[in-house]
Amino acid sequence: MPDAARTAAAVHLRDDVAALVIESLPELGATLVRFTARGEPAGEVWYGSAEEAQRCAARDYGSTLGPWLEVPPTEPDPVAFVLGR
């Protein structure tokens, strides 16, 4: 099975969510995972594609959502990466 592609975005603290990470696998869909500022998981939702996950995140978080960043495959912690730690 190929490695998952990961994208991440910071959220300017809304409902205790500070970061969103999308992990996607071709033909299997994508999982959007919400994280707190402490890096703790705060829920996840499966979508048919990464694009669908990004659209729903934009709808749900609006102007509090930062830009989506490609997470390098060698990055062990996408939350720390997107929050600049």
N, C-alpha and C. Protein backbone atom coordinates (compact mmCIF):
# COMPACT_ATOMS: atom_id res chain seq x y z
N MET A 1 0.85 -1.17 0.00
CA MET A 1 0.00 0.00 0.00
C MET A 1 0.89 1.24 0.00
N PRO A 2 0.64 2.23 -0.85
CA PRO A 2 1.46 3.43 -0.90
C PRO A 2 1.30 4.26 0.37
N ASP A 3 2.32 5.10 0.63
CA ASP A 3 2.24 6.00 1.77
C ASP A 3 1.14 7.03 1.57
N ALA A 4 0.56 7.46 2.66
CA ALA A 4 -0.50 8.47 2.61
C ALA A 4 0.11 9.83 2.30
N ALA A 5 -0.58 10.61 1.49
CA ALA A 5 -0.21 12.00 1.27
C ALA A 5 -0.83 12.80 2.41
N ARG A 6 -0.07 13.76 2.94
CA ARG A 6 -0.58 14.53 4.06
C ARG A 6 -0.55 16.02 3.75
N THR A 7 -1.63 16.70 4.10
CA THR A 7 -1.69 18.15 4.07
C THR A 7 -2.17 18.58 5.44
N ALA A 8 -1.81 19.80 5.82
CA ALA A 8 -2.20 20.29 7.13
C ALA A 8 -2.45 21.78 7.07
N ALA A 9 -3.28 22.26 7.98
CA ALA A 9 -3.57 23.69 8.08
C ALA A 9 -3.74 24.06 9.54
N ALA A 10 -3.30 25.27 9.88
CA ALA A 10 -3.52 25.79 11.23
C ALA A 10 -4.91 26.41 11.29
N VAL A 11 -5.51 26.33 12.45
CA VAL A 11 -6.80 26.97 12.71
C VAL A 11 -6.56 27.93 13.86
N HIS A 12 -7.00 29.15 13.72
CA HIS A 12 -6.82 30.14 14.78
C HIS A 12 -7.81 29.85 15.90
N LEU A 13 -7.43 28.90 16.75
CA LEU A 13 -8.19 28.37 17.88
C LEU A 13 -9.69 28.62 17.84
N ARG A 14 -10.37 27.65 17.34
CA ARG A 14 -11.83 27.67 17.31
C ARG A 14 -12.31 26.34 17.87
N ASP A 15 -13.14 26.40 18.86
CA ASP A 15 -13.66 25.18 19.50
C ASP A 15 -12.52 24.28 19.96
N ASP A 16 -11.44 24.87 20.46
CA ASP A 16 -10.27 24.15 20.97
C ASP A 16 -9.51 23.41 19.87
N VAL A 17 -9.80 23.68 18.61
CA VAL A 17 -9.07 23.05 17.50
C VAL A 17 -8.01 24.02 17.01
N ALA A 18 -6.76 23.54 16.91
CA ALA A 18 -5.66 24.39 16.47
C ALA A 18 -5.05 23.94 15.15
N ALA A 19 -5.26 22.68 14.78
CA ALA A 19 -4.66 22.18 13.54
C ALA A 19 -5.56 21.11 12.94
N LEU A 20 -5.53 21.06 11.62
CA LEU A 20 -6.24 20.02 10.87
C LEU A 20 -5.21 19.29 10.02
N VAL A 21 -5.32 17.99 9.96
CA VAL A 21 -4.43 17.19 9.12
C VAL A 21 -5.30 16.28 8.27
N ILE A 22 -5.02 16.26 6.97
CA ILE A 22 -5.71 15.36 6.05
C ILE A 22 -4.71 14.31 5.60
N GLU A 23 -5.06 13.06 5.80
CA GLU A 23 -4.27 11.96 5.27
C GLU A 23 -5.10 11.29 4.19
N SER A 24 -4.52 11.17 3.00
CA SER A 24 -5.29 10.59 1.90
C SER A 24 -4.51 9.48 1.22
N LEU A 25 -5.25 8.48 0.78
CA LEU A 25 -4.70 7.38 0.00
C LEU A 25 -5.50 7.29 -1.29
N PRO A 26 -4.81 7.19 -2.42
CA PRO A 26 -5.53 7.08 -3.69
C PRO A 26 -6.56 5.96 -3.65
N GLU A 27 -7.73 6.25 -4.13
CA GLU A 27 -8.85 5.31 -4.26
C GLU A 27 -9.43 4.85 -2.92
N LEU A 28 -8.90 5.34 -1.79
CA LEU A 28 -9.44 4.95 -0.49
C LEU A 28 -10.06 6.13 0.25
N GLY A 29 -9.87 7.33 -0.26
CA GLY A 29 -10.44 8.50 0.39
C GLY A 29 -9.45 9.20 1.30
N ALA A 30 -9.99 10.02 2.19
CA ALA A 30 -9.15 10.86 3.05
C ALA A 30 -9.78 10.98 4.43
N THR A 31 -8.92 11.10 5.41
CA THR A 31 -9.37 11.31 6.79
C THR A 31 -8.91 12.69 7.23
N LEU A 32 -9.84 13.50 7.72
CA LEU A 32 -9.51 14.80 8.28
C LEU A 32 -9.50 14.64 9.80
N VAL A 33 -8.34 14.93 10.40
CA VAL A 33 -8.19 14.79 11.84
C VAL A 33 -7.99 16.17 12.44
N ARG A 34 -8.76 16.45 13.49
CA ARG A 34 -8.65 17.72 14.21
C ARG A 34 -7.75 17.51 15.43
N PHE A 35 -6.91 18.52 15.73
CA PHE A 35 -6.01 18.46 16.87
C PHE A 35 -6.12 19.72 17.71
N THR A 36 -5.93 19.57 19.03
CA THR A 36 -5.89 20.72 19.93
C THR A 36 -4.50 21.36 19.85
N ALA A 37 -4.34 22.51 20.48
CA ALA A 37 -3.03 23.18 20.51
C ALA A 37 -2.00 22.34 21.25
N ARG A 38 -2.43 21.42 22.07
CA ARG A 38 -1.52 20.52 22.78
C ARG A 38 -1.15 19.30 21.93
N GLY A 39 -1.67 19.23 20.71
CA GLY A 39 -1.37 18.11 19.82
C GLY A 39 -2.21 16.88 20.06
N GLU A 40 -3.27 17.01 20.85
CA GLU A 40 -4.14 15.87 21.14
C GLU A 40 -5.23 15.76 20.08
N PRO A 41 -5.55 14.55 19.62
CA PRO A 41 -6.63 14.38 18.65
C PRO A 41 -7.96 14.88 19.23
N ALA A 42 -8.74 15.54 18.38
CA ALA A 42 -10.03 16.09 18.81
C ALA A 42 -11.15 15.65 17.88
N GLY A 43 -10.94 14.55 17.17
CA GLY A 43 -11.98 14.00 16.30
C GLY A 43 -11.47 13.81 14.88
N GLU A 44 -12.12 12.91 14.17
CA GLU A 44 -11.76 12.67 12.77
C GLU A 44 -13.00 12.30 11.98
N VAL A 45 -12.93 12.62 10.68
CA VAL A 45 -14.04 12.34 9.77
C VAL A 45 -13.45 11.83 8.46
N TRP A 46 -14.07 10.80 7.88
CA TRP A 46 -13.64 10.26 6.59
C TRP A 46 -14.38 10.99 5.48
N TYR A 47 -13.67 11.27 4.38
CA TYR A 47 -14.25 11.89 3.18
C TYR A 47 -13.83 11.08 1.96
N GLY A 48 -14.52 11.27 0.87
CA GLY A 48 -14.21 10.56 -0.36
C GLY A 48 -12.91 11.00 -1.00
N SER A 49 -12.45 12.22 -0.69
CA SER A 49 -11.21 12.74 -1.26
C SER A 49 -10.65 13.84 -0.37
N ALA A 50 -9.37 14.15 -0.58
CA ALA A 50 -8.75 15.25 0.16
C ALA A 50 -9.41 16.57 -0.20
N GLU A 51 -9.81 16.73 -1.46
CA GLU A 51 -10.46 17.96 -1.88
C GLU A 51 -11.79 18.16 -1.15
N GLU A 52 -12.55 17.09 -1.00
CA GLU A 52 -13.81 17.18 -0.27
C GLU A 52 -13.55 17.55 1.20
N ALA A 53 -12.53 16.96 1.79
CA ALA A 53 -12.18 17.28 3.18
C ALA A 53 -11.81 18.75 3.32
N GLN A 54 -11.04 19.28 2.36
CA GLN A 54 -10.66 20.69 2.40
C GLN A 54 -11.88 21.60 2.24
N ARG A 55 -12.80 21.25 1.36
CA ARG A 55 -14.02 22.06 1.18
C ARG A 55 -14.84 22.09 2.47
N CYS A 56 -15.00 20.95 3.10
CA CYS A 56 -15.78 20.89 4.34
C CYS A 56 -15.08 21.66 5.46
N ALA A 57 -13.76 21.57 5.53
CA ALA A 57 -13.01 22.33 6.54
C ALA A 57 -13.18 23.83 6.30
N ALA A 58 -13.13 24.25 5.04
CA ALA A 58 -13.33 25.67 4.72
C ALA A 58 -14.72 26.12 5.13
N ARG A 59 -15.71 25.29 4.90
CA ARG A 59 -17.08 25.62 5.30
C ARG A 59 -17.19 25.70 6.82
N ASP A 60 -16.60 24.73 7.52
CA ASP A 60 -16.73 24.65 8.97
C ASP A 60 -15.91 25.70 9.71
N TYR A 61 -14.73 26.05 9.20
CA TYR A 61 -13.82 26.93 9.93
C TYR A 61 -13.70 28.33 9.33
N GLY A 62 -14.17 28.52 8.11
CA GLY A 62 -14.20 29.86 7.50
C GLY A 62 -12.87 30.59 7.59
N SER A 63 -12.93 31.85 8.04
CA SER A 63 -11.75 32.71 8.05
C SER A 63 -10.73 32.33 9.13
N THR A 64 -11.08 31.41 10.03
CA THR A 64 -10.10 30.99 11.04
C THR A 64 -9.13 29.95 10.50
N LEU A 65 -9.39 29.43 9.30
CA LEU A 65 -8.56 28.39 8.70
C LEU A 65 -7.39 29.02 7.95
N GLY A 66 -6.19 28.59 8.29
CA GLY A 66 -5.00 29.07 7.59
C GLY A 66 -4.81 28.31 6.28
N PRO A 67 -3.71 28.61 5.57
CA PRO A 67 -3.46 27.93 4.29
C PRO A 67 -3.09 26.46 4.50
N TRP A 68 -3.44 25.65 3.51
CA TRP A 68 -3.07 24.23 3.54
C TRP A 68 -1.62 24.11 3.12
N LEU A 69 -0.87 23.30 3.83
CA LEU A 69 0.54 23.06 3.54
C LEU A 69 0.76 21.58 3.26
N GLU A 70 1.60 21.28 2.30
CA GLU A 70 1.98 19.89 2.06
C GLU A 70 2.96 19.48 3.17
N VAL A 71 2.69 18.40 3.83
CA VAL A 71 3.57 17.91 4.89
C VAL A 71 4.59 16.97 4.25
N PRO A 72 5.89 17.26 4.43
CA PRO A 72 6.91 16.39 3.83
C PRO A 72 6.75 14.94 4.33
N PRO A 73 6.98 13.97 3.47
CA PRO A 73 6.83 12.57 3.86
C PRO A 73 7.73 12.17 5.04
N THR A 74 8.85 12.88 5.21
CA THR A 74 9.78 12.56 6.30
C THR A 74 9.40 13.24 7.62
N GLU A 75 8.39 14.10 7.61
CA GLU A 75 7.98 14.82 8.82
C GLU A 75 7.22 13.88 9.75
N PRO A 76 7.75 13.63 10.96
CA PRO A 76 7.08 12.70 11.87
C PRO A 76 5.85 13.29 12.56
N ASP A 77 5.78 14.62 12.68
CA ASP A 77 4.69 15.24 13.44
C ASP A 77 4.04 16.36 12.62
N PRO A 78 2.98 16.05 11.87
CA PRO A 78 2.37 17.07 11.03
C PRO A 78 1.76 18.22 11.83
N VAL A 79 1.33 17.98 13.06
CA VAL A 79 0.76 19.05 13.88
C VAL A 79 1.84 20.05 14.25
N ALA A 80 2.98 19.57 14.73
CA ALA A 80 4.09 20.46 15.06
C ALA A 80 4.55 21.20 13.81
N PHE A 81 4.57 20.52 12.68
CA PHE A 81 4.98 21.14 11.42
C PHE A 81 4.09 22.32 11.08
N VAL A 82 2.78 22.12 11.11
CA VAL A 82 1.86 23.18 10.70
C VAL A 82 1.79 24.31 11.73
N LEU A 83 2.02 24.00 12.99
CA LEU A 83 1.99 25.04 14.03
C LEU A 83 3.35 25.71 14.22
N GLY A 84 4.34 25.29 13.42
CA GLY A 84 5.65 25.93 13.44
C GLY A 84 6.47 25.64 14.68
N ARG A 85 6.30 24.48 15.24
CA ARG A 85 7.06 24.13 16.46
C ARG A 85 8.37 23.46 16.11
